[in-house]
Amino acid sequence: MVKTIRINDKNIRYSVSRRKVKYPRLEFKTGNLILVLPEKMKDEKTVLEKHKAWIYRKSRQIERALREAHCKELNENMSMEKFKYFVRKKVAEFSKSIGVEVNNIMLRKMVSKWGSLSFRRNITINSYARYLPDRLIEYIIYHEIAHLLIKKHNNNFWKIIESKYANYKEYEKDLFKYWFLLQHKILPKD
């Protein structure tokens, strides 16, 4: 069931998901707020009230990204074969440049992230990334390879990213915008 909370000048829609979790958390999944609560927790209002500044800030950020996404264009010319070749080439190049070894490279449709790294040193790249400009695909690959050096998104990790991408925050913002553009133009068709 979709509910609404009013924060400042905005009505923000949210849904509640009760799961086997210890602590409540808030998630924005493709622009939709989900309040994840422990199964026996009844009071959702306390959690919402405690995090209303974050909810408001995040919802504004998403609105901005949605507006700016319409100025972007998807690359619909990259075939899956070309994408596979591009990813493999960049993984080889980047892993060599920072001195790490990747076990396996996989491409698959992912609904909530651009890439991931497994504890077995396998890199998975979201196959929807093929619609992105080459520079963003490269960034995603480098980001995942950097996790072979540092697992968490801490200061040391971002220093590694910054050594190659001084303006990495802009890349992150662009990826956020493209995510919404993909949701609107590609994902419903697949």
Foldseek 3Di string as FASTA:
>chain_A
DWDWDDDDPDTAIEEEAEDCDDAWDWDQFLLHIYIYHHNPDDDPPVVCVVCVVVVVVVNVLLVVLQVVLVVDFWAPPQDLVNVVVLLVVLLVVLCVVVVHDADEEAEEADRGDQWEADPNRYIYGYSSCNRPPSVLSSLVSNLRSLCRVPVDPDPVSVVSSCVPVVPVVVSVSVVSSVSNVCVPPPVVVD
